[in-house]
Each structure stands twice: as C-alpha cells, then as structure tokens.
Amino acid sequence: MARVTIEDCLTQVNNRFSLVQLALQRVQQIKRGSPIMAAGKNKDIVMALREIAAGKVTLENIDSLDMGGGEWLHNRNEGED
C-alpha cells in the first residue's frame, strides 16, 4: 500500500469520529510498546491507519492488542475527583 487514505480506513470503520478514536487508541498502544502489524517505516499515526485500512485493527479487537498495558489510564483517572 503506497498511500493510506481516510477512504481506505472508512471501509473498515463506520464513521470518521470512530476512526479518529480508533487511530488515537492504536497510536497510544504503539507508543507503549505494542508491535506494529503493518509493513512500513512511517510515523506511528500512519502505521496505525495502515493497520486499520488493512482490517488488522478494529473496534472489536483494539483492547486485545494492547501489549503495553492499559492500567496507566485507569491509575491516572483514579486521582481525579
């Protein structure tokens, strides 16, 4: 895949809002150490969009892909009252 477009991703995700949420969550996972499942050497956001366009990352499987542990968000929110 030479270029990834929003239209490529929207074939896998229902709307742009969901796409933004999914891509953000995936980039955060990649930054925490989750392996990238798409070929290429681009910035994390581009790689996340490639994974989404290829159908490797979906709203249904995003939580199971987190290898870096998602407890940091839970712990961060505990202190807010």
Protein backbone atom coordinates (compact mmCIF):
# COMPACT_ATOMS: atom_id res chain seq x y z
CA MET A 1 0.00 0.00 0.00
CA ALA A 2 1.78 3.11 -1.21
CA ARG A 3 -0.54 5.60 0.48
CA VAL A 4 -3.18 5.19 3.09
CA THR A 5 -6.25 7.38 2.76
CA ILE A 6 -9.16 8.16 5.04
CA GLU A 7 -11.41 6.48 2.47
CA ASP A 8 -9.36 3.27 2.80
CA CYS A 9 -9.94 3.33 6.55
CA LEU A 10 -13.64 4.19 6.30
CA THR A 11 -14.28 0.88 4.54
CA GLN A 12 -13.34 -0.73 7.87
CA VAL A 13 -14.85 1.81 10.33
CA ASN A 14 -18.36 3.26 10.25
CA ASN A 15 -17.59 6.97 10.56
CA ARG A 16 -14.79 9.50 10.88
CA PHE A 17 -15.30 10.02 14.61
CA SER A 18 -14.85 6.31 15.30
CA LEU A 19 -11.83 6.29 13.02
CA VAL A 20 -10.17 9.10 14.97
CA GLN A 21 -10.86 7.35 18.28
CA LEU A 22 -9.55 4.03 16.98
CA ALA A 23 -6.41 5.57 15.47
CA LEU A 24 -5.65 7.52 18.66
CA GLN A 25 -6.02 4.44 20.82
CA ARG A 26 -3.80 2.42 18.48
CA VAL A 27 -1.07 5.10 18.41
CA GLN A 28 -1.06 5.14 22.22
CA GLN A 29 -0.67 1.35 22.22
CA ILE A 30 2.22 1.53 19.75
CA LYS A 31 3.95 4.18 21.86
CA ARG A 32 3.62 1.87 24.90
CA GLY A 33 5.35 -0.94 23.01
CA SER A 34 2.69 -2.92 21.18
CA PRO A 35 4.09 -4.43 17.98
CA ILE A 36 3.12 -2.86 14.66
CA MET A 37 1.20 -5.26 12.41
CA ALA A 38 1.64 -3.43 9.09
CA ALA A 39 4.67 -3.26 6.85
CA GLY A 40 6.47 0.04 6.50
CA LYS A 41 8.60 2.58 8.28
CA ASN A 42 6.40 5.59 8.86
CA LYS A 43 5.28 7.61 11.84
CA ASP A 44 3.05 5.87 14.37
CA ILE A 45 -0.16 7.53 13.16
CA VAL A 46 0.44 6.42 9.57
CA MET A 47 1.19 2.89 10.71
CA ALA A 48 -1.99 2.85 12.82
CA LEU A 49 -4.02 3.99 9.81
CA ARG A 50 -2.39 1.31 7.66
CA GLU A 51 -3.37 -1.33 10.22
CA ILE A 52 -6.94 -0.02 10.28
CA ALA A 53 -7.21 0.08 6.47
CA ALA A 54 -5.90 -3.50 6.29
CA GLY A 55 -8.53 -4.64 8.79
CA LYS A 56 -5.92 -5.73 11.35
CA VAL A 57 -7.13 -3.20 13.94
CA THR A 58 -10.86 -2.88 14.57
CA LEU A 59 -13.15 -1.50 17.24
CA GLU A 60 -13.78 -5.10 18.27
CA ASN A 61 -10.14 -6.16 18.75
CA ILE A 62 -8.40 -2.93 19.80
CA ASP A 63 -8.36 -3.76 23.52
CA SER A 64 -6.83 -7.19 22.96
CA LEU A 65 -3.92 -5.64 21.01
CA ASP A 66 -2.59 -3.61 23.96
CA MET A 67 0.70 -5.23 24.91
CA GLY A 68 1.92 -2.20 26.86
CA GLY A 69 -0.80 -2.47 29.50
CA GLY A 70 -3.72 -0.08 29.75
CA GLU A 71 -3.65 0.35 33.51
CA TRP A 72 -1.84 3.70 33.24
CA LEU A 73 -5.07 5.40 32.12
CA HIS A 74 -7.07 3.80 34.93
CA ASN A 75 -4.48 4.80 37.53
CA ARG A 76 -4.28 8.34 36.17
CA ASN A 77 -8.05 8.82 36.43
CA GLU A 78 -8.26 7.45 39.99
CA GLY A 79 -6.66 10.56 41.47
CA GLU A 80 -9.17 12.93 39.83
CA ASP A 81 -12.14 13.91 41.96
